[in-house]
Amino acid sequence: MAVADGDTVTVLDASNTQWKIRLMGIDAPEKKQAFGSKSKESLSALVFDKSVSVEYSKRDKYGRILLDLIVVYEDGATFSLNERMVETGNAVKATY
């Protein structure tokens, strides 16, 4: 998985197809904005070496897929990455 910023990632599916994903319902600073690097680092740490599940929703006006990204631990425990980014102060709920 590649992290572009605090609310955009690229994932590979089972057939090795890349998908650029925008985390739905949140807004994080862009890389060049204040706290942008911190937000990106936080998202990277949350997904590093983790399996994820996606809950597809729709596409935005830029054609990016909007979805909830669910991190899945080996023991089956899960958490919403979108919610965790807001809970940790690295993103806010989106107003779009």
N, C-alpha and C. Protein backbone atom coordinates (compact mmCIF):
# COMPACT_ATOMS: atom_id res chain seq x y z
N MET A 1 0.85 -1.18 0.00
CA MET A 1 0.00 0.00 0.00
C MET A 1 0.89 1.24 0.00
N ALA A 2 0.50 2.22 -0.79
CA ALA A 2 1.23 3.49 -0.84
C ALA A 2 0.33 4.59 -0.29
N VAL A 3 0.89 5.47 0.52
CA VAL A 3 0.15 6.56 1.13
C VAL A 3 0.57 7.87 0.45
N ALA A 4 -0.40 8.56 -0.15
CA ALA A 4 -0.12 9.84 -0.82
C ALA A 4 -0.17 11.00 0.17
N ASP A 5 -1.17 10.98 1.04
CA ASP A 5 -1.33 11.99 2.08
C ASP A 5 -2.24 11.40 3.15
N GLY A 6 -2.77 12.21 4.03
CA GLY A 6 -3.55 11.71 5.16
C GLY A 6 -4.92 11.17 4.84
N ASP A 7 -5.37 11.28 3.58
CA ASP A 7 -6.67 10.73 3.24
C ASP A 7 -6.70 10.06 1.86
N THR A 8 -5.52 9.77 1.30
CA THR A 8 -5.46 9.14 -0.02
C THR A 8 -4.39 8.04 -0.02
N VAL A 9 -4.79 6.84 -0.44
CA VAL A 9 -3.87 5.71 -0.51
C VAL A 9 -4.05 4.98 -1.84
N THR A 10 -3.05 4.20 -2.20
CA THR A 10 -3.14 3.31 -3.34
C THR A 10 -3.01 1.89 -2.82
N VAL A 11 -3.97 1.04 -3.17
CA VAL A 11 -3.96 -0.35 -2.71
C VAL A 11 -3.90 -1.29 -3.90
N LEU A 12 -3.43 -2.51 -3.64
CA LEU A 12 -3.42 -3.57 -4.63
C LEU A 12 -4.49 -4.59 -4.25
N ASP A 13 -5.30 -5.01 -5.23
CA ASP A 13 -6.28 -6.05 -4.93
C ASP A 13 -5.64 -7.42 -5.16
N ALA A 14 -6.42 -8.47 -5.01
CA ALA A 14 -5.91 -9.84 -5.13
C ALA A 14 -5.30 -10.13 -6.50
N SER A 15 -5.72 -9.40 -7.53
CA SER A 15 -5.18 -9.62 -8.88
C SER A 15 -4.06 -8.63 -9.21
N ASN A 16 -3.53 -7.95 -8.17
CA ASN A 16 -2.45 -6.96 -8.31
C ASN A 16 -2.84 -5.74 -9.13
N THR A 17 -4.12 -5.41 -9.17
CA THR A 17 -4.58 -4.18 -9.79
C THR A 17 -4.49 -3.06 -8.77
N GLN A 18 -3.91 -1.92 -9.18
CA GLN A 18 -3.80 -0.77 -8.28
C GLN A 18 -5.08 0.05 -8.30
N TRP A 19 -5.48 0.53 -7.13
CA TRP A 19 -6.64 1.39 -6.98
C TRP A 19 -6.27 2.58 -6.13
N LYS A 20 -6.49 3.80 -6.65
CA LYS A 20 -6.27 5.01 -5.86
C LYS A 20 -7.55 5.27 -5.08
N ILE A 21 -7.41 5.35 -3.77
CA ILE A 21 -8.55 5.42 -2.85
C ILE A 21 -8.52 6.72 -2.07
N ARG A 22 -9.65 7.35 -1.97
CA ARG A 22 -9.83 8.52 -1.09
C ARG A 22 -10.67 8.06 0.09
N LEU A 23 -10.19 8.28 1.30
CA LEU A 23 -10.93 7.86 2.48
C LEU A 23 -12.19 8.72 2.63
N MET A 24 -13.33 8.08 2.60
CA MET A 24 -14.62 8.76 2.59
C MET A 24 -14.93 9.39 3.95
N GLY A 25 -15.48 10.58 3.90
CA GLY A 25 -15.99 11.23 5.11
C GLY A 25 -14.97 11.96 5.95
N ILE A 26 -13.72 11.99 5.49
CA ILE A 26 -12.70 12.72 6.25
C ILE A 26 -11.94 13.66 5.32
N ASP A 27 -11.29 14.63 5.92
CA ASP A 27 -10.44 15.55 5.18
C ASP A 27 -9.17 15.73 5.99
N ALA A 28 -8.03 15.50 5.36
CA ALA A 28 -6.73 15.64 6.02
C ALA A 28 -5.94 16.72 5.28
N PRO A 29 -4.99 17.34 5.98
CA PRO A 29 -4.17 18.36 5.32
C PRO A 29 -3.39 17.76 4.16
N GLU A 30 -3.20 18.55 3.12
CA GLU A 30 -2.36 18.13 2.00
C GLU A 30 -0.91 18.14 2.45
N LYS A 31 -0.05 17.46 1.71
CA LYS A 31 1.35 17.30 2.11
C LYS A 31 2.04 18.62 2.40
N LYS A 32 1.75 19.66 1.62
CA LYS A 32 2.45 20.94 1.77
C LYS A 32 1.78 21.88 2.76
N GLN A 33 0.63 21.47 3.32
CA GLN A 33 -0.06 22.29 4.31
C GLN A 33 0.49 21.98 5.70
N ALA A 34 0.18 22.86 6.65
CA ALA A 34 0.58 22.63 8.03
C ALA A 34 0.04 21.27 8.49
N PHE A 35 0.86 20.49 9.14
CA PHE A 35 0.54 19.16 9.67
C PHE A 35 0.29 18.10 8.59
N GLY A 36 0.51 18.45 7.32
CA GLY A 36 0.31 17.49 6.24
C GLY A 36 1.24 16.29 6.34
N SER A 37 2.50 16.55 6.65
CA SER A 37 3.46 15.45 6.79
C SER A 37 3.10 14.56 7.98
N LYS A 38 2.69 15.17 9.07
CA LYS A 38 2.31 14.41 10.27
C LYS A 38 1.10 13.53 9.98
N SER A 39 0.13 14.06 9.26
CA SER A 39 -1.07 13.29 8.92
C SER A 39 -0.71 12.09 8.04
N LYS A 40 0.14 12.33 7.05
CA LYS A 40 0.57 11.25 6.16
C LYS A 40 1.33 10.18 6.95
N GLU A 41 2.22 10.60 7.84
CA GLU A 41 3.00 9.66 8.66
C GLU A 41 2.08 8.83 9.54
N SER A 42 1.06 9.46 10.10
CA SER A 42 0.12 8.74 10.96
C SER A 42 -0.63 7.68 10.18
N LEU A 43 -1.13 8.05 9.00
CA LEU A 43 -1.84 7.08 8.16
C LEU A 43 -0.90 5.94 7.77
N SER A 44 0.31 6.26 7.40
CA SER A 44 1.29 5.24 7.03
C SER A 44 1.52 4.26 8.18
N ALA A 45 1.67 4.77 9.38
CA ALA A 45 1.92 3.92 10.55
C ALA A 45 0.72 3.00 10.82
N LEU A 46 -0.48 3.51 10.61
CA LEU A 46 -1.67 2.71 10.88
C LEU A 46 -1.86 1.56 9.89
N VAL A 47 -1.38 1.73 8.66
CA VAL A 47 -1.59 0.69 7.65
C VAL A 47 -0.34 -0.14 7.33
N PHE A 48 0.82 0.28 7.83
CA PHE A 48 2.06 -0.41 7.49
C PHE A 48 1.97 -1.89 7.84
N ASP A 49 2.20 -2.73 6.84
CA ASP A 49 2.26 -4.18 7.00
C ASP A 49 0.94 -4.77 7.53
N LYS A 50 -0.19 -4.12 7.21
CA LYS A 50 -1.50 -4.59 7.66
C LYS A 50 -2.34 -5.04 6.46
N SER A 51 -3.24 -5.94 6.69
CA SER A 51 -4.24 -6.30 5.69
C SER A 51 -5.41 -5.35 5.84
N VAL A 52 -6.05 -5.03 4.73
CA VAL A 52 -7.19 -4.13 4.80
C VAL A 52 -8.37 -4.72 4.03
N SER A 53 -9.53 -4.27 4.41
CA SER A 53 -10.76 -4.60 3.73
C SER A 53 -11.37 -3.27 3.32
N VAL A 54 -12.04 -3.23 2.19
CA VAL A 54 -12.62 -1.98 1.73
C VAL A 54 -14.13 -2.09 1.65
N GLU A 55 -14.78 -0.98 1.93
CA GLU A 55 -16.23 -0.88 1.79
C GLU A 55 -16.49 0.23 0.79
N TYR A 56 -16.71 -0.18 -0.47
CA TYR A 56 -16.87 0.76 -1.58
C TYR A 56 -18.12 1.61 -1.41
N SER A 57 -18.00 2.85 -1.78
CA SER A 57 -19.14 3.75 -1.70
C SER A 57 -19.46 4.35 -3.07
N LYS A 58 -18.57 5.24 -3.55
CA LYS A 58 -18.82 5.93 -4.82
C LYS A 58 -17.53 6.58 -5.28
N ARG A 59 -17.61 7.34 -6.36
CA ARG A 59 -16.45 8.10 -6.85
C ARG A 59 -16.69 9.59 -6.62
N ASP A 60 -15.58 10.32 -6.39
CA ASP A 60 -15.71 11.77 -6.22
C ASP A 60 -15.61 12.46 -7.58
N LYS A 61 -15.65 13.79 -7.57
CA LYS A 61 -15.64 14.54 -8.82
C LYS A 61 -14.32 14.40 -9.58
N TYR A 62 -13.27 13.88 -8.93
CA TYR A 62 -11.98 13.66 -9.58
C TYR A 62 -11.82 12.21 -10.05
N GLY A 63 -12.85 11.40 -9.86
CA GLY A 63 -12.80 10.01 -10.29
C GLY A 63 -12.19 9.06 -9.28
N ARG A 64 -11.80 9.57 -8.12
CA ARG A 64 -11.23 8.70 -7.09
C ARG A 64 -12.34 7.91 -6.40
N ILE A 65 -12.03 6.69 -6.02
CA ILE A 65 -12.99 5.87 -5.30
C ILE A 65 -13.05 6.36 -3.86
N LEU A 66 -14.26 6.57 -3.36
CA LEU A 66 -14.47 6.96 -1.96
C LEU A 66 -14.91 5.73 -1.20
N LEU A 67 -14.24 5.46 -0.06
CA LEU A 67 -14.63 4.28 0.69
C LEU A 67 -14.16 4.35 2.12
N ASP A 68 -14.66 3.41 2.91
CA ASP A 68 -14.16 3.19 4.26
C ASP A 68 -13.10 2.11 4.15
N LEU A 69 -11.95 2.35 4.75
CA LEU A 69 -10.86 1.39 4.75
C LEU A 69 -10.80 0.76 6.14
N ILE A 70 -10.95 -0.56 6.18
CA ILE A 70 -10.98 -1.29 7.44
C ILE A 70 -9.67 -2.07 7.58
N VAL A 71 -8.93 -1.81 8.66
CA VAL A 71 -7.71 -2.55 8.93
C VAL A 71 -8.10 -3.84 9.64
N VAL A 72 -7.51 -4.95 9.18
CA VAL A 72 -7.83 -6.27 9.73
C VAL A 72 -6.56 -6.87 10.34
N TYR A 73 -6.60 -7.14 11.65
CA TYR A 73 -5.48 -7.78 12.32
C TYR A 73 -5.54 -9.29 12.15
N GLU A 74 -4.42 -9.97 12.39
CA GLU A 74 -4.36 -11.42 12.24
C GLU A 74 -5.37 -12.14 13.13
N ASP A 75 -5.69 -11.57 14.29
CA ASP A 75 -6.65 -12.22 15.19
C ASP A 75 -8.09 -11.92 14.82
N GLY A 76 -8.30 -11.18 13.72
CA GLY A 76 -9.65 -10.88 13.24
C GLY A 76 -10.20 -9.55 13.73
N ALA A 77 -9.52 -8.91 14.66
CA ALA A 77 -9.96 -7.60 15.14
C ALA A 77 -9.87 -6.59 13.99
N THR A 78 -10.77 -5.62 13.99
CA THR A 78 -10.79 -4.62 12.92
C THR A 78 -10.98 -3.23 13.50
N PHE A 79 -10.62 -2.23 12.72
CA PHE A 79 -10.99 -0.84 13.04
C PHE A 79 -11.09 -0.05 11.75
N SER A 80 -11.91 0.99 11.78
CA SER A 80 -12.07 1.87 10.63
C SER A 80 -10.91 2.86 10.62
N LEU A 81 -10.15 2.81 9.55
CA LEU A 81 -9.04 3.74 9.40
C LEU A 81 -9.54 5.18 9.30
N ASN A 82 -10.66 5.37 8.61
CA ASN A 82 -11.24 6.69 8.47
C ASN A 82 -11.53 7.29 9.85
N GLU A 83 -12.21 6.52 10.70
CA GLU A 83 -12.56 6.99 12.04
C GLU A 83 -11.31 7.22 12.89
N ARG A 84 -10.34 6.33 12.78
CA ARG A 84 -9.12 6.44 13.59
C ARG A 84 -8.35 7.71 13.25
N MET A 85 -8.33 8.10 11.98
CA MET A 85 -7.63 9.33 11.59
C MET A 85 -8.28 10.55 12.24
N VAL A 86 -9.60 10.55 12.34
CA VAL A 86 -10.30 11.66 13.01
C VAL A 86 -10.06 11.60 14.51
N GLU A 87 -10.17 10.40 15.10
CA GLU A 87 -9.98 10.24 16.54
C GLU A 87 -8.61 10.70 17.00
N THR A 88 -7.59 10.51 16.17
CA THR A 88 -6.22 10.87 16.54
C THR A 88 -5.88 12.32 16.19
N GLY A 89 -6.83 13.05 15.61
CA GLY A 89 -6.61 14.46 15.27
C GLY A 89 -5.83 14.67 14.00
N ASN A 90 -5.64 13.63 13.20
CA ASN A 90 -4.89 13.74 11.96
C ASN A 90 -5.77 14.02 10.74
N ALA A 91 -7.06 14.11 10.96
CA ALA A 91 -8.04 14.46 9.93
C ALA A 91 -9.27 14.99 10.63
N VAL A 92 -10.14 15.61 9.88
CA VAL A 92 -11.43 16.08 10.41
C VAL A 92 -12.53 15.44 9.57
N LYS A 93 -13.73 15.45 10.13
CA LYS A 93 -14.87 14.96 9.35
C LYS A 93 -15.08 15.91 8.18
N ALA A 94 -15.29 15.34 7.02
CA ALA A 94 -15.44 16.15 5.81
C ALA A 94 -16.78 16.84 5.78
N THR A 95 -16.79 17.99 5.14
CA THR A 95 -18.03 18.77 5.00
C THR A 95 -18.56 18.73 3.59
N TYR A 96 -18.02 17.88 2.74
CA TYR A 96 -18.49 17.80 1.36
C TYR A 96 -19.69 16.91 1.23
